[in-house]
Amino acid sequence: MMNYSALKDWHNSHKESALFRRYITLNTIQPLLDTLSNLFSVAVLGYSVENRPISKVTFGTGPIRVLGWSQMHGNESTTTKALFDLFHWFESNKEESAVIRLLTEFTFTMVPMLNPDGAEAYTRINANKVDLNRDAQDCSQPESLILKELYTSLKPDYCLNLHGQRTIFGVGTPPKSAIVSFLSPSQDALRTVTHSRKKGMAIISDLNEMLQEFIPDSVGRYDDGFNINCVGDTLQHKNIPTILFEAGHFPGDYDRETTRVFMFLSLIRVFESVLLLKSEETPSSNSYFSIPENKKCFFDYIIRNIDLPEIGVTDMAIQFEEKLVGAELNFIPKIAQIAELVDFVGHLEIDLEAQKPRFSADFNFEIGTIIEKIQVNGKLPTTFSVKSNNLL
């Protein structure tokens, strides 16, 4: 196995500098696609609803075929950044023996941005307001057809379904933020642990083992409820081992620049794990189930013991709404819940016990109200930052 601490150090100084923060569009990545070296082959697969090109990047000459795609949901860009970091790593280290082996064992096909219209608008859905990850059976959208035609013609040995998850997920007891989560999807309603699923589970177990060095107790296992309309479930149903990546929230890292490195490391570890599986007739799934399952137990902020007019002493949760303003992504703090939140944790918590917050007379204590600052005991207000480059 490679030295992942050294790979992390490499990433810190060599990641693709043209990609940063969360708003990543086709205009951002197209210049990078246009200037990839001859190690890579770039081809347009087709066009989105709004006629934006959807490209694949192919590299390697080996018999093991790996297919991956990112930004199926347009506002989930962390793994797109990690893919370009991966391209840069292969190019920068192509003379190294470990990299040469990967390039001779695998043929990689990566689609860095499956939903360029959603990326442009910073939405989960495509331009026709369809969630592409629920369109695997109908294939009603051009982007869905492009992916289906690609995996049908390629006949991949493994698929990587690259996503991002919200800040609401935690793992363990007491809960920690789910910085990275994975899933080997079910391929039937009974969630049968088939040979195909076991391969994904064995790989995810390796990923978890590697990541514990860097983010202990912060790796989650995503819910495996079966939905044949989802792309991962459809591919697993076809006996293609498929791994769902979910780039989650590293505390304070709303731009997902820290999570990005763990996605990069995980991609490389997948490839190494696949090579190990070549020698195993029956991969083990046991340690996969020891990874704690994600649970929705976090808010961005929780204000504890806040004395509210006509409500009394209670807790208030604040969750950011991600909103694109021009070309800048803002995080708008809104009241998400007012209750005794004993079963929830805030990524940042403020305890106002015995303190008297002040609000304007017309402030509306309702779910969805924007709350940017609170004045406490006549002192300077507590401010909830809203700019993507100045959070927490």
Protein backbone atom coordinates (compact mmCIF):
# COMPACT_ATOMS: atom_id res chain seq x y z
CA MET A 1 0.00 0.00 0.00
CA MET A 2 1.08 3.55 -0.67
CA ASN A 3 2.10 5.99 2.04
CA TYR A 4 -1.11 7.97 2.49
CA SER A 5 0.43 10.53 4.82
CA ALA A 6 2.89 11.34 2.05
CA LEU A 7 0.02 11.47 -0.47
CA LYS A 8 -1.82 13.89 1.81
CA ASP A 9 1.29 16.08 1.97
CA TRP A 10 1.57 15.93 -1.82
CA HIS A 11 -2.03 17.03 -2.16
CA ASN A 12 -1.62 19.97 0.18
CA SER A 13 1.01 21.49 -2.11
CA HIS A 14 -0.01 20.13 -5.52
CA LYS A 15 -3.81 20.04 -5.69
CA GLU A 16 -5.38 21.66 -8.74
CA SER A 17 -5.17 25.34 -7.79
CA ALA A 18 -7.69 26.49 -10.42
CA LEU A 19 -10.48 24.76 -8.48
CA PHE A 20 -11.50 26.03 -5.07
CA ARG A 21 -14.58 26.63 -2.93
CA ARG A 22 -17.94 25.11 -3.82
CA TYR A 23 -19.19 26.83 -6.97
CA ILE A 24 -17.60 24.74 -9.73
CA THR A 25 -19.09 25.05 -13.24
CA LEU A 26 -18.30 23.84 -16.73
CA ASN A 27 -16.62 27.18 -17.40
CA THR A 28 -14.32 26.41 -14.47
CA ILE A 29 -13.27 22.95 -15.58
CA GLN A 30 -13.31 23.29 -19.39
CA PRO A 31 -9.90 25.03 -19.57
CA LEU A 32 -8.48 22.18 -17.46
CA LEU A 33 -9.99 19.56 -19.75
CA ASP A 34 -8.60 21.41 -22.77
CA THR A 35 -5.06 21.38 -21.38
CA LEU A 36 -4.79 17.82 -20.05
CA SER A 37 -1.65 16.09 -21.27
CA ASN A 38 -1.55 13.27 -23.80
CA LEU A 39 -1.70 10.82 -20.91
CA PHE A 40 -5.44 11.50 -21.04
CA SER A 41 -8.00 11.25 -23.80
CA VAL A 42 -10.92 13.69 -23.59
CA ALA A 43 -14.10 13.14 -25.61
CA VAL A 44 -17.55 14.74 -25.61
CA LEU A 45 -20.23 12.16 -24.86
CA GLY A 46 -23.23 14.37 -25.59
CA TYR A 47 -25.00 17.50 -24.44
CA SER A 48 -27.14 18.59 -21.51
CA VAL A 49 -30.66 20.02 -21.67
CA GLU A 50 -29.18 23.50 -22.14
CA ASN A 51 -26.69 22.20 -24.72
CA ARG A 52 -23.59 22.13 -22.53
CA PRO A 53 -21.06 19.43 -23.43
CA ILE A 54 -20.60 16.44 -21.12
CA SER A 55 -17.11 14.98 -21.44
CA LYS A 56 -15.32 11.85 -20.36
CA VAL A 57 -11.64 11.58 -19.47
CA THR A 58 -9.99 8.23 -20.24
CA PHE A 59 -6.52 7.11 -19.17
CA GLY A 60 -4.67 3.88 -18.52
CA THR A 61 -4.38 0.82 -20.73
CA GLY A 62 -5.22 -2.05 -18.39
CA PRO A 63 -7.94 -4.72 -18.43
CA ILE A 64 -9.79 -3.57 -15.28
CA ARG A 65 -12.36 -0.99 -16.32
CA VAL A 66 -13.35 1.65 -13.75
CA LEU A 67 -16.10 4.18 -14.46
CA GLY A 68 -16.69 7.22 -12.25
CA TRP A 69 -18.84 10.33 -12.49
CA SER A 70 -19.16 13.49 -10.42
CA GLN A 71 -21.65 16.36 -10.12
CA MET A 72 -24.63 14.25 -11.05
CA HIS A 73 -26.06 16.70 -8.53
CA GLY A 74 -24.85 20.07 -9.73
CA ASN A 75 -24.23 21.52 -6.27
CA GLU A 76 -21.99 18.64 -5.13
CA SER A 77 -18.59 19.70 -6.41
CA THR A 78 -16.07 18.35 -3.89
CA THR A 79 -15.43 15.13 -5.78
CA THR A 80 -15.03 17.08 -9.03
CA LYS A 81 -12.14 18.92 -7.42
CA ALA A 82 -10.74 15.61 -6.20
CA LEU A 83 -10.92 14.11 -9.71
CA PHE A 84 -8.80 16.91 -11.15
CA ASP A 85 -6.39 16.51 -8.24
CA LEU A 86 -6.23 12.83 -9.23
CA PHE A 87 -5.52 13.69 -12.87
CA HIS A 88 -2.73 16.01 -11.73
CA TRP A 89 -1.28 13.28 -9.50
CA PHE A 90 -1.19 10.73 -12.31
CA GLU A 91 0.47 13.22 -14.65
CA SER A 92 3.01 14.42 -12.07
CA ASN A 93 3.98 10.90 -10.99
CA LYS A 94 3.60 8.91 -14.22
CA GLU A 95 7.23 7.73 -14.05
CA GLU A 96 6.78 6.26 -10.56
CA SER A 97 6.46 2.48 -10.40
CA ALA A 98 3.26 2.51 -8.33
CA VAL A 99 1.57 4.84 -10.80
CA ILE A 100 2.86 2.87 -13.79
CA ARG A 101 1.28 -0.22 -12.29
CA LEU A 102 -2.10 1.49 -11.93
CA LEU A 103 -1.95 2.73 -15.51
CA THR A 104 -1.15 -0.75 -16.79
CA GLU A 105 -3.70 -2.57 -14.62
CA PHE A 106 -6.64 -0.20 -15.16
CA THR A 107 -8.48 1.73 -17.82
CA PHE A 108 -10.11 4.67 -16.07
CA THR A 109 -13.09 6.53 -17.52
CA MET A 110 -14.17 9.56 -15.51
CA VAL A 111 -17.00 12.01 -16.18
CA PRO A 112 -16.06 15.08 -14.11
CA MET A 113 -19.42 16.85 -14.52
CA LEU A 114 -22.52 14.90 -15.52
CA ASN A 115 -24.95 17.75 -14.78
CA PRO A 116 -23.37 20.98 -16.09
CA ASP A 117 -26.71 22.83 -16.11
CA GLY A 118 -27.26 22.06 -12.44
CA ALA A 119 -23.67 23.08 -11.73
CA GLU A 120 -24.22 26.43 -13.42
CA ALA A 121 -27.40 27.12 -11.43
CA TYR A 122 -25.95 25.51 -8.28
CA THR A 123 -28.87 23.11 -7.93
CA ARG A 124 -29.18 19.40 -7.21
CA ILE A 125 -31.48 18.90 -10.21
CA ASN A 126 -30.95 19.39 -13.94
CA ALA A 127 -32.46 22.12 -16.13
CA ASN A 128 -35.73 20.15 -16.40
CA LYS A 129 -35.90 19.97 -12.59
CA VAL A 130 -35.21 16.23 -12.57
CA ASP A 131 -32.97 14.53 -10.02
CA LEU A 132 -30.71 12.48 -12.27
CA ASN A 133 -30.06 10.06 -9.42
CA ARG A 134 -33.73 9.10 -9.49
CA ASP A 135 -33.88 8.72 -13.28
CA ALA A 136 -31.96 5.49 -13.76
CA GLN A 137 -34.95 3.50 -14.98
CA ASP A 138 -36.90 6.09 -16.96
CA CYS A 139 -33.79 7.76 -18.40
CA SER A 140 -36.03 10.68 -19.29
CA GLN A 141 -33.15 13.16 -19.44
CA PRO A 142 -30.28 13.51 -21.92
CA GLU A 143 -27.76 13.37 -19.09
CA SER A 144 -29.23 10.08 -17.87
CA LEU A 145 -29.11 8.62 -21.36
CA ILE A 146 -25.48 9.68 -21.72
CA LEU A 147 -24.52 7.83 -18.54
CA LYS A 148 -26.54 4.75 -19.49
CA GLU A 149 -25.03 4.58 -22.96
CA LEU A 150 -21.57 4.96 -21.42
CA TYR A 151 -21.85 2.15 -18.88
CA THR A 152 -23.65 -0.07 -21.39
CA SER A 153 -20.88 0.26 -23.96
CA LEU A 154 -17.99 0.32 -21.49
CA LYS A 155 -19.12 -2.66 -19.39
CA PRO A 156 -17.20 -1.46 -16.33
CA ASP A 157 -15.85 -3.82 -13.71
CA TYR A 158 -16.36 -1.18 -11.00
CA CYS A 159 -18.34 2.06 -10.77
CA LEU A 160 -17.69 5.09 -8.56
CA ASN A 161 -20.75 7.26 -7.90
CA LEU A 162 -19.27 10.51 -6.55
CA HIS A 163 -21.47 12.77 -4.45
CA GLY A 164 -21.51 15.23 -1.54
CA GLN A 165 -23.72 15.26 1.56
CA ARG A 166 -25.16 17.99 3.74
CA THR A 167 -23.83 19.16 7.09
CA ILE A 168 -26.70 17.48 8.97
CA PHE A 169 -25.10 14.00 9.10
CA GLY A 170 -23.18 12.60 12.04
CA VAL A 171 -21.78 9.24 13.09
CA GLY A 172 -21.19 7.49 16.37
CA THR A 173 -22.13 8.17 20.01
CA PRO A 174 -21.54 10.90 20.98
CA PRO A 175 -21.89 11.99 17.38
CA LYS A 176 -19.10 13.44 15.32
CA SER A 177 -19.53 15.06 11.95
CA ALA A 178 -19.68 12.55 9.09
CA ILE A 179 -16.72 13.91 7.15
CA VAL A 180 -16.77 11.09 4.61
CA SER A 181 -19.42 8.43 3.99
CA PHE A 182 -19.63 5.43 1.69
CA LEU A 183 -22.16 2.86 0.55
CA SER A 184 -22.16 -0.42 -1.30
CA PRO A 185 -25.73 -0.07 -2.61
CA SER A 186 -28.32 -2.80 -2.33
CA GLN A 187 -29.33 -4.63 -5.47
CA ASP A 188 -32.68 -5.89 -4.27
CA ALA A 189 -35.36 -4.95 -1.76
CA LEU A 190 -34.08 -7.56 0.70
CA ARG A 191 -30.66 -5.88 0.77
CA THR A 192 -29.05 -9.22 0.00
CA VAL A 193 -25.30 -9.30 0.54
CA THR A 194 -24.39 -10.57 -2.91
CA HIS A 195 -20.93 -11.21 -4.29
CA SER A 196 -21.09 -7.89 -6.14
CA ARG A 197 -21.99 -6.02 -2.95
CA LYS A 198 -19.27 -7.83 -1.02
CA LYS A 199 -16.63 -6.47 -3.38
CA GLY A 200 -17.79 -2.93 -2.68
CA MET A 201 -17.99 -3.63 1.04
CA ALA A 202 -14.44 -4.99 1.13
CA ILE A 203 -13.15 -1.89 -0.68
CA ILE A 204 -15.06 0.44 1.64
CA SER A 205 -13.61 -1.39 4.63
CA ASP A 206 -10.13 -0.63 3.26
CA LEU A 207 -11.11 3.01 2.75
CA ASN A 208 -12.33 3.24 6.32
CA GLU A 209 -9.12 1.70 7.66
CA MET A 210 -7.01 4.20 5.75
CA LEU A 211 -9.11 7.23 6.72
CA GLN A 212 -9.14 6.44 10.45
CA GLU A 213 -5.55 7.71 10.57
CA PHE A 214 -6.71 11.17 9.51
CA ILE A 215 -10.35 11.51 10.62
CA PRO A 216 -10.90 8.97 13.43
CA ASP A 217 -14.53 8.05 14.12
CA SER A 218 -15.76 10.38 11.38
CA VAL A 219 -16.40 7.90 8.55
CA GLY A 220 -20.01 6.92 7.98
CA ARG A 221 -21.95 4.21 6.22
CA TYR A 222 -24.84 5.48 4.13
CA ASP A 223 -28.33 3.99 4.34
CA ASP A 224 -28.73 1.01 1.98
CA GLY A 225 -32.48 1.11 1.41
CA PHE A 226 -33.12 -0.17 -2.11
CA ASN A 227 -34.46 2.14 -4.84
CA ILE A 228 -34.14 0.79 -8.37
CA ASN A 229 -34.56 4.35 -9.70
CA CYS A 230 -31.20 5.30 -8.22
CA VAL A 231 -28.19 4.87 -10.46
CA GLY A 232 -26.05 3.01 -7.92
CA ASP A 233 -28.83 0.54 -7.11
CA THR A 234 -29.48 -0.02 -10.82
CA LEU A 235 -25.81 -0.76 -11.51
CA GLN A 236 -25.52 -3.02 -8.48
CA HIS A 237 -28.68 -4.78 -9.70
CA LYS A 238 -26.71 -5.49 -12.88
CA ASN A 239 -23.98 -7.09 -10.72
CA ILE A 240 -21.54 -4.22 -11.27
CA PRO A 241 -19.81 -3.45 -7.94
CA THR A 242 -20.62 0.20 -7.26
CA ILE A 243 -19.32 2.47 -4.52
CA LEU A 244 -21.13 5.61 -3.45
CA PHE A 245 -18.83 8.40 -2.21
CA GLU A 246 -20.32 11.14 -0.03
CA ALA A 247 -18.08 14.12 0.66
CA GLY A 248 -19.24 15.45 4.02
CA HIS A 249 -18.48 18.25 6.44
CA PHE A 250 -15.15 18.74 8.17
CA PRO A 251 -15.90 21.16 11.05
CA GLY A 252 -15.45 24.73 9.85
CA ASP A 253 -14.77 23.61 6.26
CA TYR A 254 -17.86 24.89 4.47
CA ASP A 255 -15.87 25.26 1.26
CA ARG A 256 -15.01 21.53 1.50
CA GLU A 257 -11.31 22.13 0.87
CA THR A 258 -10.30 19.82 3.71
CA THR A 259 -12.79 17.11 2.77
CA ARG A 260 -11.40 17.30 -0.75
CA VAL A 261 -8.11 15.68 0.26
CA PHE A 262 -9.93 12.70 1.79
CA MET A 263 -11.84 12.18 -1.46
CA PHE A 264 -8.52 12.25 -3.34
CA LEU A 265 -6.94 9.72 -0.97
CA SER A 266 -10.01 7.49 -1.15
CA LEU A 267 -9.95 7.37 -4.94
CA ILE A 268 -6.37 6.10 -4.92
CA ARG A 269 -7.13 3.60 -2.15
CA VAL A 270 -10.03 2.20 -4.20
CA PHE A 271 -7.65 1.32 -7.00
CA GLU A 272 -5.19 -0.35 -4.64
CA SER A 273 -8.01 -2.28 -2.98
CA VAL A 274 -9.31 -3.55 -6.31
CA LEU A 275 -5.88 -5.01 -7.02
CA LEU A 276 -5.93 -6.78 -3.66
CA LEU A 277 -9.36 -8.23 -4.44
CA LYS A 278 -7.97 -9.95 -7.53
CA SER A 279 -6.48 -12.61 -5.27
CA GLU A 280 -9.60 -13.13 -3.14
CA GLU A 281 -12.33 -15.49 -4.30
CA THR A 282 -14.74 -14.43 -1.53
CA PRO A 283 -14.27 -10.87 -0.29
CA SER A 284 -15.19 -10.27 3.35
CA SER A 285 -18.03 -7.92 4.27
CA ASN A 286 -17.73 -8.25 8.05
CA SER A 287 -15.81 -5.06 8.87
CA TYR A 288 -18.06 -3.03 6.56
CA PHE A 289 -20.96 -3.38 8.99
CA SER A 290 -18.81 -2.11 11.86
CA ILE A 291 -18.72 1.30 10.18
CA PRO A 292 -21.41 3.38 11.94
CA GLU A 293 -24.41 4.35 9.85
CA ASN A 294 -25.08 8.01 9.17
CA LYS A 295 -27.76 9.73 11.19
CA LYS A 296 -29.31 13.17 10.87
CA CYS A 297 -28.25 14.74 14.14
CA PHE A 298 -26.38 17.98 13.33
CA PHE A 299 -27.27 21.60 12.69
CA ASP A 300 -24.83 24.29 11.59
CA TYR A 301 -25.47 26.29 14.81
CA ILE A 302 -27.37 25.55 17.97
CA ILE A 303 -28.07 28.34 20.44
CA ARG A 304 -28.66 26.71 23.80
CA ASN A 305 -30.84 28.04 26.64
CA ILE A 306 -32.09 31.05 24.76
CA ASP A 307 -34.94 32.94 26.45
CA LEU A 308 -37.41 33.83 23.71
CA PRO A 309 -40.43 36.13 24.03
CA GLU A 310 -43.67 34.16 24.59
CA ILE A 311 -41.73 30.88 24.25
CA GLY A 312 -39.43 30.78 27.25
CA VAL A 313 -36.06 29.11 27.63
CA THR A 314 -35.37 26.67 24.82
CA ASP A 315 -32.86 25.84 22.08
CA MET A 316 -32.74 27.29 18.59
CA ALA A 317 -31.16 25.58 15.59
CA ILE A 318 -29.78 27.54 12.66
CA GLN A 319 -29.08 25.91 9.33
CA PHE A 320 -27.43 27.53 6.32
CA GLU A 321 -29.31 27.81 3.05
CA GLU A 322 -26.80 27.74 0.22
CA LYS A 323 -27.74 30.47 -2.23
CA LEU A 324 -26.02 31.58 -5.38
CA VAL A 325 -25.85 35.38 -5.66
CA GLY A 326 -24.34 36.28 -9.01
CA ALA A 327 -21.24 34.11 -9.18
CA GLU A 328 -20.77 33.97 -5.41
CA LEU A 329 -22.14 31.30 -3.13
CA ASN A 330 -23.60 32.68 0.08
CA PHE A 331 -24.64 30.72 3.15
CA ILE A 332 -27.83 32.24 4.56
CA PRO A 333 -28.46 31.42 8.26
CA LYS A 334 -32.11 30.53 8.85
CA ILE A 335 -33.99 29.26 11.87
CA ALA A 336 -34.45 25.52 11.35
CA GLN A 337 -36.00 24.45 14.64
CA ILE A 338 -37.04 25.86 18.02
CA ALA A 339 -37.23 23.12 20.64
CA GLU A 340 -35.24 21.34 23.31
CA LEU A 341 -32.62 19.85 20.99
CA VAL A 342 -31.18 17.28 23.38
CA ASP A 343 -30.64 14.74 20.60
CA PHE A 344 -28.86 17.15 18.27
CA VAL A 345 -25.42 18.72 18.06
CA GLY A 346 -24.34 22.00 16.51
CA HIS A 347 -21.18 22.31 14.47
CA LEU A 348 -20.92 25.47 16.54
CA GLU A 349 -22.85 25.88 19.78
CA ILE A 350 -23.52 29.03 21.78
CA ASP A 351 -24.91 28.74 25.31
CA LEU A 352 -26.87 31.81 26.40
CA GLU A 353 -27.85 30.56 29.85
CA ALA A 354 -28.30 33.54 32.23
CA GLN A 355 -27.72 35.93 29.34
CA LYS A 356 -30.34 38.17 27.82
CA PRO A 357 -30.35 38.27 24.04
CA ARG A 358 -32.02 41.21 22.37
CA PHE A 359 -34.02 41.10 19.17
CA SER A 360 -35.85 43.79 17.29
CA ALA A 361 -39.50 44.17 18.32
CA ASP A 362 -40.75 42.90 14.98
CA PHE A 363 -38.46 39.86 14.78
CA ASN A 364 -40.32 36.78 13.57
CA PHE A 365 -39.55 33.62 15.54
CA GLU A 366 -40.60 31.17 12.87
CA ILE A 367 -38.93 28.40 10.92
CA GLY A 368 -37.18 29.88 7.90
CA THR A 369 -36.54 33.34 9.35
CA ILE A 370 -33.07 34.69 8.57
CA ILE A 371 -31.08 35.36 11.74
CA GLU A 372 -27.76 37.06 11.10
CA LYS A 373 -26.85 38.35 14.54
CA ILE A 374 -27.92 38.47 18.19
CA GLN A 375 -27.05 41.17 20.69
CA VAL A 376 -26.26 39.72 24.12
CA ASN A 377 -26.15 41.72 27.39
CA GLY A 378 -25.75 44.93 25.44
CA LYS A 379 -22.42 43.76 24.01
CA LEU A 380 -21.37 43.46 20.40
CA PRO A 381 -23.66 41.09 18.53
CA THR A 382 -22.94 37.47 17.89
CA THR A 383 -22.78 37.31 14.10
CA PHE A 384 -23.52 34.36 11.86
CA SER A 385 -21.25 34.79 8.85
CA VAL A 386 -22.79 34.34 5.43
CA LYS A 387 -19.91 34.60 2.93
CA SER A 388 -18.49 31.40 1.56
CA ASN A 389 -14.91 32.51 2.20
CA ASN A 390 -15.54 33.78 5.75
CA LEU A 391 -17.51 31.14 7.60
CA LEU A 392 -17.25 30.42 11.30
